């Protein structure tokens, strides 16, 4: 894992990871539903 000195880059990265996890969880719940 990289240490990003720029807080804006770090915020963008963590937001991206959160969206990835969220979409992955949404996708699996959709698969479980059908």
N, C-alpha and C. Protein backbone atom coordinates (compact mmCIF):
# COMPACT_ATOMS: atom_id res chain seq x y z
N UNK A 1 0.84 -1.20 0.00
CA UNK A 1 0.00 0.00 0.00
C UNK A 1 0.88 1.25 0.00
N UNK A 2 0.49 2.20 -0.83
CA UNK A 2 1.30 3.40 -0.96
C UNK A 2 0.89 4.47 0.04
N UNK A 3 1.88 5.19 0.54
CA UNK A 3 1.60 6.34 1.41
C UNK A 3 1.55 7.58 0.53
N UNK A 4 0.39 8.19 0.48
CA UNK A 4 0.23 9.36 -0.37
C UNK A 4 0.37 10.62 0.47
N UNK A 5 1.36 11.44 0.18
CA UNK A 5 1.56 12.67 0.95
C UNK A 5 0.45 13.69 0.71
N UNK A 6 -0.14 13.64 -0.47
CA UNK A 6 -1.20 14.59 -0.79
C UNK A 6 -2.51 14.08 -0.21
N UNK A 7 -3.12 14.86 0.69
CA UNK A 7 -4.34 14.42 1.35
C UNK A 7 -5.50 14.31 0.38
N UNK A 8 -5.50 15.15 -0.64
CA UNK A 8 -6.58 15.09 -1.64
C UNK A 8 -6.48 13.79 -2.42
N UNK A 9 -5.28 13.39 -2.80
CA UNK A 9 -5.09 12.12 -3.50
C UNK A 9 -5.49 10.96 -2.61
N UNK A 10 -5.13 11.06 -1.33
CA UNK A 10 -5.46 10.00 -0.38
C UNK A 10 -6.97 9.90 -0.20
N UNK A 11 -7.63 11.04 -0.13
CA UNK A 11 -9.09 11.06 0.02
C UNK A 11 -9.75 10.46 -1.22
N UNK A 12 -9.23 10.80 -2.40
CA UNK A 12 -9.77 10.27 -3.64
C UNK A 12 -9.57 8.75 -3.69
N UNK A 13 -8.40 8.29 -3.23
CA UNK A 13 -8.09 6.86 -3.25
C UNK A 13 -9.01 6.10 -2.30
N UNK A 14 -9.16 6.60 -1.08
CA UNK A 14 -10.01 5.91 -0.10
C UNK A 14 -11.46 5.93 -0.54
N UNK A 15 -11.90 7.02 -1.18
CA UNK A 15 -13.26 7.08 -1.70
C UNK A 15 -13.44 6.04 -2.80
N UNK A 16 -12.43 5.90 -3.65
CA UNK A 16 -12.48 4.92 -4.74
C UNK A 16 -12.58 3.51 -4.18
N UNK A 17 -11.78 3.23 -3.16
CA UNK A 17 -11.80 1.90 -2.53
C UNK A 17 -13.16 1.64 -1.89
N UNK A 18 -13.71 2.66 -1.23
CA UNK A 18 -15.01 2.50 -0.59
C UNK A 18 -16.10 2.22 -1.61
N UNK A 19 -16.04 2.91 -2.75
CA UNK A 19 -17.01 2.69 -3.83
C UNK A 19 -16.85 1.29 -4.40
N UNK A 20 -15.61 0.85 -4.56
CA UNK A 20 -15.34 -0.50 -5.08
C UNK A 20 -15.93 -1.55 -4.15
N UNK A 21 -15.69 -1.40 -2.85
CA UNK A 21 -16.23 -2.35 -1.87
C UNK A 21 -17.75 -2.31 -1.85
N UNK A 22 -18.30 -1.10 -1.95
CA UNK A 22 -19.74 -0.93 -1.90
C UNK A 22 -20.39 -1.58 -3.11
N UNK A 23 -19.80 -1.37 -4.30
CA UNK A 23 -20.37 -1.95 -5.51
C UNK A 23 -20.22 -3.47 -5.51
N UNK A 24 -19.12 -3.95 -4.93
CA UNK A 24 -18.91 -5.39 -4.85
C UNK A 24 -19.95 -6.02 -3.94
N UNK A 25 -20.26 -5.33 -2.82
CA UNK A 25 -21.27 -5.82 -1.88
C UNK A 25 -22.66 -5.76 -2.52
N UNK A 26 -22.92 -4.69 -3.26
CA UNK A 26 -24.20 -4.54 -3.95
C UNK A 26 -24.36 -5.64 -5.00
N UNK A 27 -23.27 -5.92 -5.72
CA UNK A 27 -23.31 -6.94 -6.77
C UNK A 27 -23.60 -8.31 -6.18
N UNK A 28 -22.93 -8.64 -5.07
CA UNK A 28 -23.15 -9.95 -4.45
C UNK A 28 -24.55 -10.07 -3.87
N UNK A 29 -25.09 -8.97 -3.34
CA UNK A 29 -26.46 -9.02 -2.81
C UNK A 29 -27.46 -9.17 -3.94
N UNK A 30 -27.16 -8.57 -5.09
CA UNK A 30 -28.03 -8.74 -6.26
C UNK A 30 -28.00 -10.19 -6.73
N UNK A 31 -26.81 -10.80 -6.70
CA UNK A 31 -26.67 -12.19 -7.11
C UNK A 31 -27.39 -13.11 -6.13
N UNK A 32 -27.34 -12.78 -4.86
CA UNK A 32 -28.02 -13.60 -3.85
C UNK A 32 -29.53 -13.49 -3.98
N UNK A 33 -29.99 -12.33 -4.45
CA UNK A 33 -31.43 -12.08 -4.53
C UNK A 33 -32.06 -12.91 -5.66
N UNK A 34 -31.34 -13.00 -6.78
CA UNK A 34 -31.92 -13.68 -7.95
C UNK A 34 -31.73 -15.20 -7.91
